N, C-alpha and C. Protein backbone atom coordinates (compact mmCIF):
# COMPACT_ATOMS: atom_id res chain seq x y z
N MET A 1 7.17 30.21 19.23
CA MET A 1 6.39 29.01 19.39
C MET A 1 5.58 28.72 18.13
N ARG A 2 5.05 29.76 17.51
CA ARG A 2 4.27 29.60 16.30
C ARG A 2 5.13 28.97 15.19
N PHE A 3 6.41 29.35 15.10
CA PHE A 3 7.31 28.82 14.10
C PHE A 3 7.52 27.31 14.31
N VAL A 4 7.69 26.86 15.56
CA VAL A 4 7.87 25.45 15.88
C VAL A 4 6.62 24.66 15.49
N SER A 5 5.43 25.22 15.74
CA SER A 5 4.18 24.54 15.38
C SER A 5 4.07 24.37 13.87
N MET A 6 4.49 25.39 13.12
CA MET A 6 4.43 25.28 11.66
C MET A 6 5.40 24.22 11.16
N ILE A 7 6.58 24.14 11.76
CA ILE A 7 7.55 23.11 11.36
C ILE A 7 7.00 21.72 11.69
N THR A 8 6.38 21.59 12.86
CA THR A 8 5.80 20.30 13.25
C THR A 8 4.69 19.90 12.29
N LEU A 9 3.81 20.83 11.93
CA LEU A 9 2.74 20.54 10.99
C LEU A 9 3.30 20.14 9.63
N ALA A 10 4.31 20.83 9.16
CA ALA A 10 4.94 20.50 7.88
C ALA A 10 5.57 19.11 7.93
N ALA A 11 6.22 18.77 9.04
CA ALA A 11 6.85 17.46 9.18
C ALA A 11 5.81 16.34 9.19
N VAL A 12 4.71 16.55 9.89
CA VAL A 12 3.64 15.54 9.94
C VAL A 12 3.03 15.36 8.56
N THR A 13 2.83 16.45 7.84
CA THR A 13 2.28 16.37 6.48
C THR A 13 3.21 15.59 5.57
N LEU A 14 4.51 15.87 5.63
CA LEU A 14 5.48 15.15 4.80
C LEU A 14 5.54 13.67 5.16
N LEU A 15 5.46 13.34 6.45
CA LEU A 15 5.46 11.94 6.86
C LEU A 15 4.22 11.22 6.35
N ALA A 16 3.08 11.87 6.41
CA ALA A 16 1.84 11.26 5.91
C ALA A 16 1.93 11.01 4.41
N MET A 17 2.51 11.95 3.67
CA MET A 17 2.66 11.77 2.24
C MET A 17 3.63 10.64 1.94
N ALA A 18 4.73 10.57 2.68
CA ALA A 18 5.72 9.52 2.47
C ALA A 18 5.14 8.15 2.81
N ALA A 19 4.26 8.09 3.78
CA ALA A 19 3.66 6.82 4.19
C ALA A 19 2.56 6.38 3.22
N GLY A 20 2.19 7.22 2.28
CA GLY A 20 1.18 6.86 1.31
C GLY A 20 -0.24 6.98 1.84
N LEU A 21 -0.44 7.74 2.88
CA LEU A 21 -1.78 7.92 3.39
C LEU A 21 -2.58 8.77 2.43
N PRO A 22 -3.87 8.48 2.29
CA PRO A 22 -4.67 9.28 1.36
C PRO A 22 -4.70 10.74 1.77
N SER A 23 -4.63 11.59 0.80
CA SER A 23 -4.73 13.02 1.08
C SER A 23 -6.11 13.49 0.68
N ALA A 24 -6.40 14.74 0.95
CA ALA A 24 -7.70 15.29 0.59
C ALA A 24 -7.93 15.22 -0.91
N GLY A 25 -6.83 15.21 -1.71
CA GLY A 25 -6.94 15.12 -3.16
C GLY A 25 -7.31 13.74 -3.65
N ASN A 26 -7.24 12.73 -2.78
CA ASN A 26 -7.56 11.36 -3.16
C ASN A 26 -8.80 10.88 -2.43
N ALA A 27 -9.85 11.66 -2.48
CA ALA A 27 -11.09 11.27 -1.81
C ALA A 27 -11.67 10.03 -2.47
N ALA A 28 -12.35 9.21 -1.70
CA ALA A 28 -12.97 7.99 -2.20
C ALA A 28 -13.96 8.33 -3.31
N THR A 29 -14.07 7.41 -4.27
CA THR A 29 -15.00 7.61 -5.38
C THR A 29 -15.91 6.39 -5.52
N ASP A 30 -17.09 6.61 -6.08
CA ASP A 30 -18.02 5.54 -6.42
C ASP A 30 -18.33 5.68 -7.91
N THR A 31 -18.09 4.63 -8.67
CA THR A 31 -18.30 4.63 -10.11
C THR A 31 -19.46 3.69 -10.44
N VAL A 32 -20.46 4.18 -11.15
CA VAL A 32 -21.60 3.36 -11.55
C VAL A 32 -21.15 2.41 -12.66
N VAL A 33 -21.55 1.14 -12.52
CA VAL A 33 -21.16 0.09 -13.46
C VAL A 33 -22.41 -0.64 -13.94
N THR A 34 -22.56 -0.80 -15.25
CA THR A 34 -23.61 -1.67 -15.80
C THR A 34 -22.91 -2.79 -16.55
N ALA A 35 -23.48 -4.00 -16.46
CA ALA A 35 -22.81 -5.14 -17.08
C ALA A 35 -23.82 -6.17 -17.55
N THR A 36 -23.39 -6.94 -18.53
CA THR A 36 -24.12 -8.11 -19.01
C THR A 36 -23.18 -9.29 -18.86
N SER A 37 -23.66 -10.35 -18.22
CA SER A 37 -22.86 -11.56 -18.06
C SER A 37 -23.52 -12.70 -18.81
N THR A 38 -22.72 -13.45 -19.54
CA THR A 38 -23.18 -14.67 -20.18
C THR A 38 -22.54 -15.82 -19.41
N VAL A 39 -23.38 -16.76 -18.97
CA VAL A 39 -22.93 -17.81 -18.06
C VAL A 39 -23.03 -19.17 -18.75
N ALA A 40 -22.05 -20.02 -18.51
CA ALA A 40 -22.10 -21.41 -18.95
C ALA A 40 -21.87 -22.29 -17.73
N LEU A 41 -22.69 -23.32 -17.58
CA LEU A 41 -22.57 -24.24 -16.45
C LEU A 41 -21.95 -25.55 -16.92
N ASP A 42 -21.09 -26.13 -16.10
CA ASP A 42 -20.49 -27.43 -16.39
C ASP A 42 -21.22 -28.46 -15.53
N PHE A 43 -22.21 -29.11 -16.14
CA PHE A 43 -23.04 -30.05 -15.39
C PHE A 43 -22.34 -31.36 -15.08
N THR A 44 -21.09 -31.52 -15.54
CA THR A 44 -20.34 -32.72 -15.17
C THR A 44 -19.70 -32.57 -13.81
N THR A 45 -19.81 -31.39 -13.23
CA THR A 45 -19.24 -31.14 -11.90
C THR A 45 -20.38 -31.06 -10.88
N GLY A 46 -20.06 -31.21 -9.64
CA GLY A 46 -21.06 -31.05 -8.58
C GLY A 46 -22.14 -32.12 -8.63
N ARG A 47 -23.31 -31.73 -8.12
CA ARG A 47 -24.41 -32.68 -7.99
C ARG A 47 -25.74 -31.97 -8.16
N ILE A 48 -26.69 -32.59 -8.89
CA ILE A 48 -28.04 -32.06 -9.05
C ILE A 48 -29.02 -33.20 -8.76
N TRP A 49 -30.06 -32.90 -7.96
CA TRP A 49 -31.08 -33.91 -7.67
C TRP A 49 -32.40 -33.23 -7.35
N GLU A 50 -33.47 -34.00 -7.46
CA GLU A 50 -34.80 -33.52 -7.12
C GLU A 50 -35.30 -34.33 -5.92
N ASP A 51 -35.81 -33.63 -4.90
CA ASP A 51 -36.31 -34.34 -3.72
C ASP A 51 -37.78 -34.74 -3.90
N ASP A 52 -38.33 -35.40 -2.91
CA ASP A 52 -39.71 -35.92 -2.97
C ASP A 52 -40.76 -34.81 -3.05
N GLU A 53 -40.39 -33.58 -2.71
CA GLU A 53 -41.35 -32.46 -2.71
C GLU A 53 -41.24 -31.61 -3.97
N GLY A 54 -40.51 -32.08 -4.97
CA GLY A 54 -40.41 -31.36 -6.23
C GLY A 54 -39.44 -30.19 -6.23
N VAL A 55 -38.50 -30.21 -5.28
CA VAL A 55 -37.48 -29.14 -5.23
C VAL A 55 -36.19 -29.67 -5.85
N GLN A 56 -35.70 -28.93 -6.84
CA GLN A 56 -34.42 -29.28 -7.44
C GLN A 56 -33.30 -28.61 -6.65
N HIS A 57 -32.27 -29.38 -6.36
CA HIS A 57 -31.10 -28.88 -5.63
C HIS A 57 -29.88 -29.03 -6.52
N GLY A 58 -29.06 -28.02 -6.56
CA GLY A 58 -27.78 -28.09 -7.26
C GLY A 58 -26.70 -27.68 -6.29
N ARG A 59 -25.60 -28.42 -6.26
CA ARG A 59 -24.50 -28.10 -5.35
C ARG A 59 -23.16 -28.23 -6.08
N GLY A 60 -22.35 -27.18 -5.95
CA GLY A 60 -20.98 -27.22 -6.43
C GLY A 60 -20.82 -27.32 -7.93
N ILE A 61 -21.75 -26.76 -8.70
CA ILE A 61 -21.65 -26.78 -10.16
C ILE A 61 -20.70 -25.67 -10.59
N VAL A 62 -19.71 -26.00 -11.40
CA VAL A 62 -18.74 -25.00 -11.87
C VAL A 62 -19.39 -24.17 -12.98
N LEU A 63 -19.19 -22.87 -12.93
CA LEU A 63 -19.69 -22.00 -13.98
C LEU A 63 -18.59 -21.10 -14.48
N THR A 64 -18.72 -20.69 -15.74
CA THR A 64 -17.79 -19.73 -16.33
C THR A 64 -18.60 -18.54 -16.84
N TYR A 65 -17.98 -17.38 -16.83
CA TYR A 65 -18.64 -16.14 -17.22
C TYR A 65 -17.89 -15.46 -18.35
N GLN A 66 -18.62 -14.80 -19.21
CA GLN A 66 -18.10 -13.78 -20.11
C GLN A 66 -18.84 -12.52 -19.69
N VAL A 67 -18.12 -11.47 -19.35
CA VAL A 67 -18.77 -10.25 -18.87
C VAL A 67 -18.30 -9.06 -19.68
N SER A 68 -19.22 -8.14 -19.94
CA SER A 68 -18.86 -6.89 -20.60
C SER A 68 -19.79 -5.81 -20.08
N GLY A 69 -19.34 -4.60 -20.16
CA GLY A 69 -20.15 -3.49 -19.69
C GLY A 69 -19.43 -2.19 -19.85
N GLU A 70 -19.87 -1.21 -19.04
CA GLU A 70 -19.22 0.10 -19.08
C GLU A 70 -19.30 0.74 -17.71
N ALA A 71 -18.29 1.54 -17.45
CA ALA A 71 -18.22 2.33 -16.22
C ALA A 71 -17.68 3.70 -16.61
N GLU A 72 -18.45 4.74 -16.35
CA GLU A 72 -18.10 6.11 -16.73
C GLU A 72 -17.79 6.24 -18.20
N GLY A 73 -18.56 5.51 -19.04
CA GLY A 73 -18.38 5.59 -20.47
C GLY A 73 -17.20 4.81 -21.01
N ILE A 74 -16.46 4.15 -20.14
CA ILE A 74 -15.30 3.35 -20.56
C ILE A 74 -15.72 1.88 -20.55
N PRO A 75 -15.63 1.20 -21.70
CA PRO A 75 -16.04 -0.21 -21.73
C PRO A 75 -15.07 -1.10 -20.95
N PHE A 76 -15.59 -2.22 -20.46
CA PHE A 76 -14.73 -3.22 -19.85
C PHE A 76 -15.17 -4.60 -20.31
N THR A 77 -14.24 -5.54 -20.27
CA THR A 77 -14.51 -6.92 -20.63
C THR A 77 -13.81 -7.83 -19.64
N GLY A 78 -14.26 -9.07 -19.59
CA GLY A 78 -13.60 -10.01 -18.72
C GLY A 78 -14.18 -11.40 -18.80
N THR A 79 -13.51 -12.29 -18.11
CA THR A 79 -13.95 -13.68 -17.98
C THR A 79 -13.92 -14.03 -16.50
N GLY A 80 -14.67 -15.06 -16.15
CA GLY A 80 -14.69 -15.44 -14.76
C GLY A 80 -15.07 -16.89 -14.56
N THR A 81 -14.85 -17.36 -13.34
CA THR A 81 -15.26 -18.70 -12.94
C THR A 81 -15.86 -18.61 -11.55
N GLY A 82 -16.62 -19.60 -11.19
CA GLY A 82 -17.21 -19.66 -9.86
C GLY A 82 -17.85 -21.01 -9.62
N GLU A 83 -18.54 -21.11 -8.52
CA GLU A 83 -19.24 -22.34 -8.15
C GLU A 83 -20.64 -21.96 -7.69
N ILE A 84 -21.66 -22.63 -8.23
CA ILE A 84 -23.04 -22.26 -7.98
C ILE A 84 -23.79 -23.38 -7.25
N SER A 85 -24.69 -22.98 -6.37
CA SER A 85 -25.60 -23.91 -5.68
C SER A 85 -26.98 -23.28 -5.64
N TRP A 86 -28.05 -24.10 -5.71
CA TRP A 86 -29.40 -23.56 -5.72
C TRP A 86 -30.41 -24.57 -5.18
N ASN A 87 -31.61 -24.06 -4.89
CA ASN A 87 -32.79 -24.83 -4.51
C ASN A 87 -33.96 -24.17 -5.23
N THR A 88 -34.66 -24.91 -6.08
CA THR A 88 -35.77 -24.34 -6.85
C THR A 88 -36.96 -25.29 -6.85
N GLU A 89 -38.12 -24.74 -6.46
CA GLU A 89 -39.37 -25.50 -6.58
C GLU A 89 -39.72 -25.53 -8.07
N LEU A 90 -39.70 -26.72 -8.66
CA LEU A 90 -39.89 -26.81 -10.11
C LEU A 90 -41.28 -26.38 -10.54
N ALA A 91 -42.29 -26.61 -9.72
CA ALA A 91 -43.67 -26.27 -10.09
C ALA A 91 -43.91 -24.76 -10.12
N THR A 92 -43.21 -24.01 -9.27
CA THR A 92 -43.47 -22.56 -9.16
C THR A 92 -42.35 -21.68 -9.69
N GLY A 93 -41.13 -22.20 -9.78
CA GLY A 93 -39.99 -21.38 -10.16
C GLY A 93 -39.48 -20.53 -9.00
N ASN A 94 -39.94 -20.83 -7.79
CA ASN A 94 -39.47 -20.09 -6.61
C ASN A 94 -38.27 -20.81 -6.00
N GLY A 95 -37.35 -20.04 -5.46
CA GLY A 95 -36.19 -20.65 -4.82
C GLY A 95 -35.14 -19.65 -4.43
N ASP A 96 -33.94 -20.16 -4.25
CA ASP A 96 -32.82 -19.31 -3.88
C ASP A 96 -31.53 -19.98 -4.31
N GLY A 97 -30.46 -19.24 -4.22
CA GLY A 97 -29.17 -19.80 -4.58
C GLY A 97 -28.03 -18.85 -4.24
N PHE A 98 -26.83 -19.34 -4.47
CA PHE A 98 -25.65 -18.52 -4.20
C PHE A 98 -24.48 -19.02 -5.04
N THR A 99 -23.51 -18.15 -5.22
CA THR A 99 -22.24 -18.54 -5.82
C THR A 99 -21.15 -18.30 -4.79
N LYS A 100 -20.07 -19.00 -4.96
CA LYS A 100 -18.88 -18.76 -4.16
C LYS A 100 -17.67 -18.98 -5.06
N LYS A 101 -16.56 -18.52 -4.59
CA LYS A 101 -15.31 -18.64 -5.34
C LYS A 101 -15.36 -17.94 -6.69
N ASP A 102 -16.21 -16.91 -6.82
CA ASP A 102 -16.26 -16.13 -8.07
C ASP A 102 -14.95 -15.38 -8.24
N VAL A 103 -14.35 -15.48 -9.39
CA VAL A 103 -13.15 -14.70 -9.73
C VAL A 103 -13.32 -14.22 -11.16
N TYR A 104 -13.31 -12.90 -11.35
CA TYR A 104 -13.40 -12.27 -12.66
C TYR A 104 -12.06 -11.63 -12.99
N GLU A 105 -11.54 -11.88 -14.18
CA GLU A 105 -10.37 -11.16 -14.69
C GLU A 105 -10.92 -10.08 -15.61
N ILE A 106 -10.65 -8.82 -15.27
CA ILE A 106 -11.28 -7.67 -15.94
C ILE A 106 -10.21 -6.75 -16.53
N THR A 107 -10.51 -6.21 -17.71
CA THR A 107 -9.73 -5.12 -18.28
C THR A 107 -10.69 -3.95 -18.46
N TRP A 108 -10.33 -2.82 -17.88
CA TRP A 108 -11.16 -1.60 -17.94
C TRP A 108 -10.23 -0.44 -18.24
N GLY A 109 -10.30 0.08 -19.46
CA GLY A 109 -9.36 1.14 -19.86
C GLY A 109 -7.94 0.62 -19.75
N ASP A 110 -7.08 1.33 -19.02
CA ASP A 110 -5.70 0.87 -18.85
C ASP A 110 -5.51 0.07 -17.56
N LEU A 111 -6.61 -0.29 -16.88
CA LEU A 111 -6.53 -1.09 -15.65
C LEU A 111 -6.84 -2.55 -15.94
N SER A 112 -6.14 -3.44 -15.25
CA SER A 112 -6.47 -4.86 -15.34
C SER A 112 -6.18 -5.52 -14.00
N GLY A 113 -6.95 -6.54 -13.72
CA GLY A 113 -6.81 -7.25 -12.46
C GLY A 113 -7.99 -8.16 -12.25
N THR A 114 -8.25 -8.53 -11.01
CA THR A 114 -9.35 -9.44 -10.72
C THR A 114 -10.28 -8.85 -9.66
N PHE A 115 -11.51 -9.31 -9.70
CA PHE A 115 -12.48 -9.09 -8.64
C PHE A 115 -12.93 -10.48 -8.19
N SER A 116 -12.93 -10.74 -6.89
CA SER A 116 -13.39 -12.04 -6.40
C SER A 116 -14.39 -11.84 -5.29
N GLY A 117 -15.35 -12.77 -5.19
CA GLY A 117 -16.37 -12.65 -4.15
C GLY A 117 -17.47 -13.67 -4.30
N HIS A 118 -18.70 -13.21 -4.08
CA HIS A 118 -19.84 -14.12 -4.08
C HIS A 118 -21.12 -13.37 -4.45
N ALA A 119 -22.16 -14.15 -4.75
CA ALA A 119 -23.48 -13.59 -5.06
C ALA A 119 -24.54 -14.46 -4.40
N SER A 120 -25.70 -13.88 -4.18
CA SER A 120 -26.84 -14.66 -3.69
C SER A 120 -28.11 -14.07 -4.31
N TRP A 121 -29.17 -14.91 -4.39
CA TRP A 121 -30.41 -14.45 -5.02
C TRP A 121 -31.59 -15.24 -4.51
N THR A 122 -32.75 -14.69 -4.80
CA THR A 122 -34.02 -15.41 -4.63
C THR A 122 -34.71 -15.40 -5.99
N ALA A 123 -35.53 -16.42 -6.19
CA ALA A 123 -36.29 -16.53 -7.44
C ALA A 123 -37.77 -16.56 -7.11
N THR A 124 -38.54 -15.81 -7.86
CA THR A 124 -40.00 -15.81 -7.74
C THR A 124 -40.57 -15.98 -9.14
N GLY A 125 -41.36 -17.03 -9.32
CA GLY A 125 -41.97 -17.26 -10.62
C GLY A 125 -40.96 -17.40 -11.74
N GLY A 126 -39.79 -17.91 -11.44
CA GLY A 126 -38.77 -18.12 -12.47
C GLY A 126 -37.86 -16.95 -12.74
N GLN A 127 -38.03 -15.84 -12.01
CA GLN A 127 -37.18 -14.66 -12.20
C GLN A 127 -36.23 -14.49 -11.00
N ASN A 128 -34.94 -14.45 -11.28
CA ASN A 128 -33.93 -14.26 -10.23
C ASN A 128 -33.69 -12.78 -9.98
N GLU A 129 -33.55 -12.43 -8.71
CA GLU A 129 -33.08 -11.10 -8.31
C GLU A 129 -32.09 -11.32 -7.20
N GLY A 130 -30.90 -10.71 -7.34
CA GLY A 130 -29.88 -10.96 -6.34
C GLY A 130 -28.90 -9.83 -6.20
N THR A 131 -27.92 -10.06 -5.33
CA THR A 131 -26.86 -9.09 -5.06
C THR A 131 -25.51 -9.79 -5.10
N PHE A 132 -24.47 -8.99 -5.31
CA PHE A 132 -23.11 -9.52 -5.32
C PHE A 132 -22.16 -8.53 -4.67
N VAL A 133 -21.05 -9.06 -4.17
CA VAL A 133 -19.96 -8.26 -3.61
C VAL A 133 -18.65 -8.91 -4.06
N HIS A 134 -17.77 -8.10 -4.66
CA HIS A 134 -16.48 -8.59 -5.13
C HIS A 134 -15.39 -7.60 -4.72
N ILE A 135 -14.26 -8.11 -4.29
CA ILE A 135 -13.12 -7.30 -3.86
C ILE A 135 -12.03 -7.36 -4.93
N GLY A 136 -11.42 -6.22 -5.23
CA GLY A 136 -10.44 -6.12 -6.30
C GLY A 136 -9.02 -6.47 -5.90
N ARG A 137 -8.27 -6.92 -6.91
CA ARG A 137 -6.84 -7.20 -6.78
C ARG A 137 -6.15 -6.67 -8.04
N GLY A 138 -4.84 -6.64 -8.04
CA GLY A 138 -4.10 -6.08 -9.17
C GLY A 138 -4.35 -4.58 -9.22
N ASP A 139 -4.63 -4.05 -10.40
CA ASP A 139 -4.91 -2.61 -10.53
C ASP A 139 -6.18 -2.21 -9.77
N PHE A 140 -7.01 -3.20 -9.42
CA PHE A 140 -8.26 -2.92 -8.71
C PHE A 140 -8.14 -3.11 -7.20
N ARG A 141 -6.92 -3.23 -6.70
CA ARG A 141 -6.74 -3.46 -5.25
C ARG A 141 -7.41 -2.33 -4.46
N GLN A 142 -7.97 -2.71 -3.35
CA GLN A 142 -8.69 -1.81 -2.45
C GLN A 142 -9.92 -1.18 -3.10
N MET A 143 -10.45 -1.86 -4.12
CA MET A 143 -11.73 -1.45 -4.71
C MET A 143 -12.75 -2.54 -4.39
N LYS A 144 -14.00 -2.14 -4.27
CA LYS A 144 -15.08 -3.09 -4.02
C LYS A 144 -16.16 -2.86 -5.08
N TRP A 145 -16.54 -3.95 -5.77
CA TRP A 145 -17.60 -3.90 -6.78
C TRP A 145 -18.80 -4.62 -6.20
N GLU A 146 -19.89 -3.88 -6.03
CA GLU A 146 -21.10 -4.48 -5.48
C GLU A 146 -22.31 -3.97 -6.24
N GLY A 147 -23.36 -4.79 -6.25
CA GLY A 147 -24.54 -4.37 -6.96
C GLY A 147 -25.63 -5.42 -6.95
N SER A 148 -26.54 -5.29 -7.90
CA SER A 148 -27.67 -6.22 -8.00
C SER A 148 -27.77 -6.73 -9.43
N PHE A 149 -28.45 -7.87 -9.58
CA PHE A 149 -28.61 -8.45 -10.91
C PHE A 149 -29.98 -9.10 -11.04
N THR A 150 -30.40 -9.30 -12.28
CA THR A 150 -31.66 -9.97 -12.59
C THR A 150 -31.45 -10.91 -13.76
N GLY A 151 -32.31 -11.91 -13.85
CA GLY A 151 -32.28 -12.83 -14.97
C GLY A 151 -33.29 -13.94 -14.74
N ALA A 152 -33.69 -14.59 -15.79
CA ALA A 152 -34.63 -15.70 -15.68
C ALA A 152 -33.90 -16.98 -15.32
N ILE A 153 -34.55 -17.84 -14.53
CA ILE A 153 -33.97 -19.14 -14.22
C ILE A 153 -33.73 -19.86 -15.54
N GLY A 154 -32.57 -20.45 -15.69
CA GLY A 154 -32.23 -21.18 -16.91
C GLY A 154 -31.65 -20.31 -18.00
N SER A 155 -31.75 -18.99 -17.87
CA SER A 155 -31.18 -18.09 -18.87
C SER A 155 -29.67 -18.04 -18.70
N VAL A 156 -28.96 -17.88 -19.79
CA VAL A 156 -27.51 -17.78 -19.70
C VAL A 156 -27.05 -16.33 -19.62
N VAL A 157 -28.00 -15.39 -19.64
CA VAL A 157 -27.64 -13.97 -19.62
C VAL A 157 -28.24 -13.30 -18.38
N THR A 158 -27.42 -12.55 -17.66
CA THR A 158 -27.91 -11.74 -16.55
C THR A 158 -27.47 -10.29 -16.76
N GLU A 159 -28.28 -9.38 -16.27
CA GLU A 159 -27.97 -7.95 -16.34
C GLU A 159 -27.71 -7.46 -14.92
N SER A 160 -26.69 -6.64 -14.77
CA SER A 160 -26.39 -6.12 -13.43
C SER A 160 -26.13 -4.62 -13.48
N VAL A 161 -26.36 -4.00 -12.34
CA VAL A 161 -26.02 -2.60 -12.15
C VAL A 161 -25.43 -2.50 -10.75
N GLY A 162 -24.40 -1.71 -10.62
CA GLY A 162 -23.75 -1.59 -9.32
C GLY A 162 -22.79 -0.42 -9.30
N GLN A 163 -21.85 -0.53 -8.40
CA GLN A 163 -20.84 0.53 -8.30
C GLN A 163 -19.53 -0.07 -7.87
N ILE A 164 -18.47 0.59 -8.30
CA ILE A 164 -17.13 0.24 -7.80
C ILE A 164 -16.73 1.35 -6.85
N HIS A 165 -16.50 0.97 -5.60
CA HIS A 165 -16.06 1.92 -4.59
C HIS A 165 -14.54 1.85 -4.53
N ASP A 166 -13.87 2.97 -4.72
CA ASP A 166 -12.42 3.06 -4.68
C ASP A 166 -12.03 3.96 -3.51
N ALA A 167 -11.48 3.37 -2.49
CA ALA A 167 -11.11 4.12 -1.29
C ALA A 167 -10.03 5.17 -1.57
N HIS A 168 -9.29 5.00 -2.66
CA HIS A 168 -8.18 5.93 -2.97
C HIS A 168 -8.50 6.91 -4.09
N GLY A 169 -9.70 6.83 -4.65
CA GLY A 169 -10.10 7.82 -5.66
C GLY A 169 -9.28 7.79 -6.92
N ARG A 170 -8.85 6.62 -7.33
CA ARG A 170 -8.04 6.53 -8.57
C ARG A 170 -8.91 6.62 -9.79
């Protein structure tokens, strides 16, 4: 009976390997990522207006990104596009905003692909603090890049720190 159990265990292990299921050798990993993004807004798209209470609203403004940074000492670069919306009290610099349809094309070492997702933030006294979540495709499939960022309202540069979670430990 012990021999049959060993054969069954070996068969199940081989089937799991053939099916591509993660093994103990492919434990999930989290990689710390720091990045600098330079943003350009296309003010010919979307809509911007100020209401009677001094709040500026922006909706559907197209933005483009140049991003660079490093993860585990390996530099990465990329470009991206997205759509931004915001509400800002002009007198105080307080407000909030979000992006949607963010898509970054990234090259990191010998990996290349895209991360797509969204970001949201609040602004206090003209300083933005926010979070983002992006899901990978291409070489980054089944990876999730999430983190936080800071920057001044109106600045074209933001700094972020986060992590890339890889369920397959690549």
